[in-house]
Amino acid sequence: MNPNLRKILEKQHYKIVGSHSGVKACHWLKEKLIHNRCCYKEKFYGIKSHRCLQLTPTINQCTQNCLYCWRYQDFTEQELESFDEPEFVLEKSIDAQRLLISGFKGDERCDKKMFEEASNPNQVAISLSGEPTIYPKLAEFIEVCHKKNMTTFVVSNGTQPEMIENLKPTQLYITVAAPNKEIYEKLCAPMIKNSWEKINESLDILSSLNTRTVVRHTLVDKWNIGLENSGEGSSPSRQISSKFVDEYAELDMKAEPDFIECKAYMFVGYSRQRMNLENMPSHEKIKGFAEKLSDLTGYEVAGEKKDSRVVVLAKDKRKMKI
């Protein structure tokens, strides 16, 4: 790993694991320990925020340089020349998590039982940074997690369909951050050829997988949700492009996921060097978008979390909890 990148990541409170992986304690893990406030994944799907291990097996490898990404992108690589074994990555990631949360043990606001549970995570969020499907042993890593009775959420950009078809996490996400190829190439800045076509191939595969599936729309105002000339005074629903919603609905129906997450871009990290605060949609706009998408897909609005600016649609809301 580039030593300058390592310094940047460690300054951002990442723990580097091996040669290409990393762990960072999620904001919502801390909120759960101190204030008993949970993340939207706990609210929607039932996982426990304080027992979630947020990691990446590809801390600096990605196939896109999305403008809205919080990641520092100057050192981005597109492949792993060598890689660590899954057992090593998981074991050292759990050790890293324990170090990251060790300071909470002496905090009188932190429940002792909850701290002990947090020190023994039972859920792995394989996202955080980079594109996890670049890690050749991702499928094996998921199996290692499951053998330890840990649930797994994988978040992918869908540009590696040959990997997607072999994954069996507890829940698999494909991020679709553009309604069409033109916007995708401008907003997501793909670094490999035929990325849009590969995402569509992954969406086709998603419908055939025997696992819980999610399409996530990361929505960026004045880019992939609203209209440039909508006007400041107009209502949130009038600032949403019907054409975009139609195109998203077509992509969603191709994938037939169990759930669709409509999530606002958040103005954080290095994205602040590429975006403006006005690019972060209000929750009201996210909700308006989700309602329009619900009408087109037949999925029902099954939940929302205002402080995360996210709304979830479900094919069957009775099957949301894991």
Protein backbone atom coordinates (compact mmCIF):
# COMPACT_ATOMS: atom_id res chain seq x y z
CA MET A 1 0.00 0.00 0.00
CA ASN A 2 1.20 3.50 -0.83
CA PRO A 3 2.59 4.97 2.43
CA ASN A 4 0.92 8.33 1.77
CA LEU A 5 -2.45 6.61 1.38
CA ARG A 6 -1.88 4.66 4.58
CA LYS A 7 -1.28 7.93 6.46
CA ILE A 8 -4.48 9.43 5.05
CA LEU A 9 -6.55 6.38 5.98
CA GLU A 10 -5.12 6.08 9.48
CA LYS A 11 -5.80 9.78 10.06
CA GLN A 12 -9.43 8.99 9.14
CA HIS A 13 -9.46 6.26 11.84
CA TYR A 14 -9.21 3.27 9.52
CA LYS A 15 -7.36 0.21 10.75
CA ILE A 16 -5.40 -1.35 7.91
CA VAL A 17 -5.68 -5.14 7.77
CA GLY A 18 -3.04 -7.08 5.88
CA SER A 19 -2.07 -5.74 2.48
CA HIS A 20 -5.41 -4.62 1.04
CA SER A 21 -8.21 -4.68 3.64
CA GLY A 22 -9.47 -2.19 6.19
CA VAL A 23 -11.91 -1.66 9.05
CA LYS A 24 -13.59 1.48 10.34
CA ALA A 25 -16.03 1.69 13.23
CA CYS A 26 -19.34 2.83 11.80
CA HIS A 27 -20.94 6.05 13.08
CA TRP A 28 -24.04 4.05 13.99
CA LEU A 29 -22.08 1.51 16.01
CA LYS A 30 -20.95 4.40 18.20
CA GLU A 31 -24.45 5.86 18.33
CA LYS A 32 -25.84 2.52 19.48
CA LEU A 33 -23.23 2.11 22.20
CA ILE A 34 -23.60 5.63 23.60
CA HIS A 35 -27.14 6.75 22.76
CA ASN A 36 -28.90 3.46 21.86
CA ARG A 37 -29.73 4.86 18.40
CA CYS A 38 -29.66 2.34 15.56
CA CYS A 39 -28.85 2.50 11.86
CA TYR A 40 -31.45 2.04 9.15
CA LYS A 41 -30.25 -1.52 8.50
CA GLU A 42 -31.26 -2.46 12.03
CA LYS A 43 -34.59 -0.68 11.67
CA PHE A 44 -35.38 -2.25 8.29
CA TYR A 45 -33.70 -5.66 8.40
CA GLY A 46 -33.13 -6.44 12.07
CA ILE A 47 -29.33 -6.66 12.23
CA LYS A 48 -27.78 -5.11 15.36
CA SER A 49 -25.86 -1.89 14.72
CA HIS A 50 -23.44 -2.41 17.61
CA ARG A 51 -22.57 -5.93 16.44
CA CYS A 52 -21.79 -4.95 12.85
CA LEU A 53 -18.23 -5.19 11.54
CA GLN A 54 -17.76 -2.64 8.74
CA LEU A 55 -14.88 -3.70 6.52
CA THR A 56 -13.52 -3.76 3.01
CA PRO A 57 -11.26 -6.37 1.39
CA THR A 58 -10.36 -3.78 -1.26
CA ILE A 59 -9.55 -0.57 0.54
CA ASN A 60 -7.97 1.08 -2.49
CA GLN A 61 -9.26 -0.98 -5.41
CA CYS A 62 -12.27 0.09 -7.44
CA THR A 63 -13.62 0.12 -10.99
CA GLN A 64 -15.21 3.56 -10.66
CA ASN A 65 -14.22 7.01 -9.43
CA CYS A 66 -17.70 8.20 -8.45
CA LEU A 67 -17.91 11.94 -7.90
CA TYR A 68 -20.11 11.41 -4.83
CA CYS A 69 -17.74 8.93 -3.15
CA TRP A 70 -16.22 9.97 0.20
CA ARG A 71 -13.05 8.04 -0.65
CA TYR A 72 -9.64 9.61 -1.38
CA GLN A 73 -9.19 8.54 -5.00
CA ASP A 74 -5.71 9.61 -6.11
CA PHE A 75 -4.17 6.17 -5.52
CA THR A 76 -7.03 4.02 -6.83
CA GLU A 77 -6.03 0.65 -8.32
CA GLN A 78 -8.22 -1.58 -10.47
CA GLU A 79 -6.94 -5.00 -9.40
CA LEU A 80 -5.15 -6.92 -6.66
CA GLU A 81 -1.80 -8.36 -7.70
CA SER A 82 -1.60 -10.45 -4.52
CA PHE A 83 -4.13 -11.04 -1.77
CA ASP A 84 -4.60 -12.29 1.77
CA GLU A 85 -6.55 -15.41 2.72
CA PRO A 86 -10.18 -15.00 3.89
CA GLU A 87 -9.57 -16.47 7.38
CA PHE A 88 -6.76 -13.98 7.95
CA VAL A 89 -8.83 -11.01 6.77
CA LEU A 90 -11.76 -11.88 9.05
CA GLU A 91 -9.67 -12.68 12.13
CA LYS A 92 -7.57 -9.52 11.86
CA SER A 93 -10.63 -7.40 11.06
CA ILE A 94 -12.33 -8.53 14.28
CA ASP A 95 -9.12 -7.69 16.17
CA ALA A 96 -9.10 -4.25 14.53
CA GLN A 97 -12.73 -3.63 15.46
CA ARG A 98 -11.96 -4.45 19.09
CA LEU A 99 -9.13 -1.93 19.11
CA LEU A 100 -11.31 0.74 17.51
CA ILE A 101 -14.05 0.43 20.13
CA SER A 102 -11.81 -0.22 23.16
CA GLY A 103 -12.24 3.35 24.40
CA PHE A 104 -15.95 2.83 24.94
CA LYS A 105 -15.32 0.30 27.71
CA GLY A 106 -14.61 3.04 30.23
CA ASP A 107 -17.39 5.35 29.07
CA GLU A 108 -20.13 5.40 31.70
CA ARG A 109 -22.72 6.02 28.99
CA CYS A 110 -21.91 2.67 27.34
CA ASP A 111 -23.86 -0.37 28.51
CA LYS A 112 -21.39 -3.09 29.55
CA LYS A 113 -23.36 -5.93 28.00
CA MET A 114 -23.70 -4.05 24.73
CA PHE A 115 -19.96 -3.37 24.69
CA GLU A 116 -19.21 -7.08 25.12
CA GLU A 117 -21.58 -7.87 22.26
CA ALA A 118 -19.91 -5.22 20.09
CA SER A 119 -16.56 -6.89 20.77
CA ASN A 120 -17.95 -10.07 19.23
CA PRO A 121 -19.59 -8.96 15.98
CA ASN A 122 -22.16 -11.22 14.31
CA GLN A 123 -22.80 -9.15 11.18
CA VAL A 124 -20.28 -8.15 8.50
CA ALA A 125 -20.92 -5.19 6.20
CA ILE A 126 -18.60 -5.75 3.26
CA SER A 127 -18.59 -2.27 1.80
CA LEU A 128 -16.90 0.80 3.36
CA SER A 129 -14.48 1.59 0.52
CA GLY A 130 -13.54 0.24 -2.89
CA GLU A 131 -15.26 -2.51 -4.88
CA PRO A 132 -15.29 -5.80 -2.92
CA THR A 133 -15.73 -8.04 -5.97
CA ILE A 134 -12.16 -7.20 -7.00
CA TYR A 135 -11.06 -9.45 -4.12
CA PRO A 136 -10.81 -12.86 -5.86
CA LYS A 137 -11.71 -14.79 -2.71
CA LEU A 138 -14.81 -12.81 -1.79
CA ALA A 139 -17.11 -15.84 -2.13
CA GLU A 140 -14.83 -17.84 0.16
CA PHE A 141 -14.66 -14.94 2.62
CA ILE A 142 -18.46 -14.91 2.83
CA GLU A 143 -18.43 -18.66 3.53
CA VAL A 144 -15.89 -18.17 6.33
CA CYS A 145 -18.16 -15.54 7.90
CA HIS A 146 -21.19 -17.81 7.68
CA LYS A 147 -19.31 -20.70 9.30
CA LYS A 148 -18.82 -18.40 12.29
CA ASN A 149 -22.58 -17.71 12.36
CA MET A 150 -22.12 -14.18 11.07
CA THR A 151 -24.55 -12.62 8.60
CA THR A 152 -23.08 -10.79 5.61
CA PHE A 153 -24.15 -7.75 3.60
CA VAL A 154 -22.19 -7.14 0.39
CA VAL A 155 -22.45 -3.81 -1.43
CA SER A 156 -21.20 -3.90 -5.03
CA ASN A 157 -21.26 -1.50 -7.96
CA GLY A 158 -22.14 -4.40 -10.25
CA THR A 159 -19.29 -3.97 -12.71
CA GLN A 160 -18.02 -7.55 -12.20
CA PRO A 161 -20.99 -9.77 -13.12
CA GLU A 162 -18.80 -12.88 -13.27
CA MET A 163 -18.22 -12.45 -9.52
CA ILE A 164 -21.79 -11.45 -8.70
CA GLU A 165 -23.22 -14.73 -9.97
CA ASN A 166 -21.06 -16.73 -7.53
CA LEU A 167 -21.82 -14.77 -4.35
CA LYS A 168 -24.16 -16.01 -1.63
CA PRO A 169 -24.15 -13.39 1.13
CA THR A 170 -27.06 -12.95 3.49
CA GLN A 171 -27.97 -9.83 1.52
CA LEU A 172 -26.48 -8.60 -1.75
CA TYR A 173 -26.68 -4.99 -2.88
CA ILE A 174 -26.10 -3.60 -6.35
CA THR A 175 -25.74 0.17 -6.39
CA VAL A 176 -27.44 1.78 -9.38
CA ALA A 177 -26.50 5.45 -9.18
CA ALA A 178 -27.68 6.55 -12.60
CA PRO A 179 -30.84 6.08 -14.65
CA ASN A 180 -28.97 5.79 -17.95
CA LYS A 181 -25.54 5.36 -19.50
CA GLU A 182 -24.95 9.06 -20.20
CA ILE A 183 -25.41 10.12 -16.58
CA TYR A 184 -23.58 7.04 -15.32
CA GLU A 185 -20.42 7.84 -17.26
CA LYS A 186 -20.39 11.44 -16.01
CA LEU A 187 -21.27 10.75 -12.37
CA CYS A 188 -19.56 7.41 -11.74
CA ALA A 189 -16.48 7.91 -13.96
CA PRO A 190 -15.93 4.21 -14.79
CA MET A 191 -12.35 3.06 -15.19
CA ILE A 192 -13.06 -0.15 -17.10
CA LYS A 193 -14.69 -0.66 -20.48
CA ASN A 194 -18.38 -1.46 -20.92
CA SER A 195 -19.15 -0.76 -17.26
CA TRP A 196 -22.78 0.21 -17.88
CA GLU A 197 -23.39 -2.95 -19.86
CA LYS A 198 -21.76 -5.01 -17.09
CA ILE A 199 -24.01 -3.41 -14.46
CA ASN A 200 -27.03 -4.35 -16.55
CA GLU A 201 -25.70 -7.90 -16.79
CA SER A 202 -25.40 -7.99 -12.99
CA LEU A 203 -28.98 -6.79 -12.68
CA ASP A 204 -30.09 -9.65 -14.93
CA ILE A 205 -28.16 -12.08 -12.72
CA LEU A 206 -29.64 -10.63 -9.53
CA SER A 207 -33.11 -11.91 -10.34
CA SER A 208 -31.85 -15.52 -10.45
CA LEU A 209 -29.83 -15.54 -7.22
CA ASN A 210 -30.95 -17.58 -4.23
CA THR A 211 -30.27 -14.89 -1.63
CA ARG A 212 -31.80 -11.64 -0.40
CA THR A 213 -31.19 -8.91 -2.95
CA VAL A 214 -31.31 -5.12 -2.94
CA VAL A 215 -30.95 -2.44 -5.57
CA ARG A 216 -29.70 0.76 -3.99
CA HIS A 217 -30.15 4.11 -5.71
CA THR A 218 -27.66 6.65 -4.39
CA LEU A 219 -29.40 9.89 -5.30
CA VAL A 220 -27.49 13.10 -5.99
CA ASP A 221 -29.47 16.28 -6.48
CA LYS A 222 -29.03 18.02 -9.85
CA TRP A 223 -27.37 14.87 -11.17
CA ASN A 224 -29.49 11.72 -11.07
CA ILE A 225 -32.78 12.62 -9.39
CA GLY A 226 -33.82 16.21 -10.01
CA LEU A 227 -33.90 18.83 -12.69
CA GLU A 228 -31.30 21.57 -13.03
CA ASN A 229 -33.95 24.22 -13.73
CA SER A 230 -36.53 23.07 -11.19
CA GLY A 231 -36.33 26.28 -9.20
CA GLU A 232 -35.66 26.74 -5.51
CA GLY A 233 -39.26 27.46 -4.64
CA SER A 234 -40.81 24.43 -6.26
CA SER A 235 -41.97 21.46 -4.19
CA PRO A 236 -39.69 18.40 -3.81
CA SER A 237 -41.99 16.28 -5.98
CA ARG A 238 -41.81 18.82 -8.81
CA GLN A 239 -38.00 18.68 -8.67
CA ILE A 240 -37.94 14.99 -9.59
CA SER A 241 -37.52 13.97 -13.22
CA SER A 242 -40.30 11.60 -14.31
CA LYS A 243 -38.02 10.39 -17.10
CA PHE A 244 -35.36 9.40 -14.57
CA VAL A 245 -37.85 7.56 -12.37
CA ASP A 246 -39.15 5.67 -15.40
CA GLU A 247 -35.61 4.60 -16.29
CA TYR A 248 -34.80 3.54 -12.73
CA ALA A 249 -38.03 1.53 -12.59
CA GLU A 250 -37.08 -0.30 -15.78
CA LEU A 251 -33.70 -1.24 -14.28
CA ASP A 252 -35.31 -2.33 -11.02
CA MET A 253 -37.85 -4.55 -12.75
CA LYS A 254 -35.03 -6.21 -14.66
CA ALA A 255 -33.31 -7.11 -11.38
CA GLU A 256 -36.49 -8.02 -9.45
CA PRO A 257 -34.79 -7.42 -6.08
CA ASP A 258 -36.43 -8.13 -2.75
CA PHE A 259 -35.90 -4.51 -1.75
CA ILE A 260 -35.11 -1.16 -3.31
CA GLU A 261 -33.30 1.45 -1.22
CA CYS A 262 -33.59 5.10 -2.18
CA LYS A 263 -30.71 6.77 -0.35
CA ALA A 264 -29.50 10.36 -0.39
CA TYR A 265 -25.91 11.20 -1.24
CA MET A 266 -24.31 12.59 1.91
CA PHE A 267 -21.98 15.59 1.72
CA VAL A 268 -19.06 14.02 3.60
CA GLY A 269 -15.40 13.09 3.19
CA TYR A 270 -13.53 13.82 -0.03
CA SER A 271 -16.79 14.12 -1.98
CA ARG A 272 -16.89 17.69 -0.63
CA GLN A 273 -14.06 18.50 -3.05
CA ARG A 274 -16.21 17.39 -6.01
CA MET A 275 -19.77 18.16 -4.89
CA ASN A 276 -21.66 20.98 -3.22
CA LEU A 277 -23.96 20.91 -0.21
CA GLU A 278 -26.90 21.51 -2.56
CA ASN A 279 -26.20 18.13 -4.19
CA MET A 280 -27.41 16.39 -1.00
CA PRO A 281 -31.17 15.78 -1.43
CA SER A 282 -33.60 16.43 1.40
CA HIS A 283 -35.41 13.49 2.95
CA GLU A 284 -38.63 14.91 1.52
CA LYS A 285 -37.21 14.63 -1.98
CA ILE A 286 -36.00 11.07 -1.36
CA LYS A 287 -39.46 10.16 -0.10
CA GLY A 288 -41.10 11.76 -3.13
CA PHE A 289 -38.79 9.83 -5.45
CA ALA A 290 -39.50 6.57 -3.59
CA GLU A 291 -43.25 7.08 -3.82
CA LYS A 292 -43.05 7.65 -7.58
CA LEU A 293 -40.87 4.56 -7.94
CA SER A 294 -43.33 2.57 -5.83
CA ASP A 295 -46.16 3.50 -8.18
CA LEU A 296 -44.19 2.27 -11.19
CA THR A 297 -42.76 -0.95 -9.74
CA GLY A 298 -45.59 -2.10 -7.49
CA TYR A 299 -43.19 -2.33 -4.55
CA GLU A 300 -44.62 -0.85 -1.36
CA VAL A 301 -43.00 1.85 0.74
CA ALA A 302 -41.93 -0.27 3.71
CA GLY A 303 -39.87 2.06 5.87
CA GLU A 304 -37.93 5.29 6.15
CA LYS A 305 -35.26 6.79 8.38
CA LYS A 306 -35.12 10.55 8.20
CA ASP A 307 -31.70 11.07 9.78
CA SER A 308 -30.17 8.78 7.14
CA ARG A 309 -32.34 10.20 4.34
CA VAL A 310 -33.34 6.75 3.16
CA VAL A 311 -36.60 5.08 2.14
CA VAL A 312 -36.93 1.35 1.47
CA LEU A 313 -39.39 -0.29 -0.91
CA ALA A 314 -40.23 -3.97 -0.50
CA LYS A 315 -41.65 -6.65 -2.74
CA ASP A 316 -43.05 -8.22 0.46
CA LYS A 317 -42.56 -6.21 3.66
CA ARG A 318 -43.33 -9.30 5.76
CA LYS A 319 -39.96 -10.72 4.71
CA MET A 320 -37.82 -7.73 5.66
CA LYS A 321 -36.39 -8.98 8.95
CA ILE A 322 -33.51 -11.44 8.80
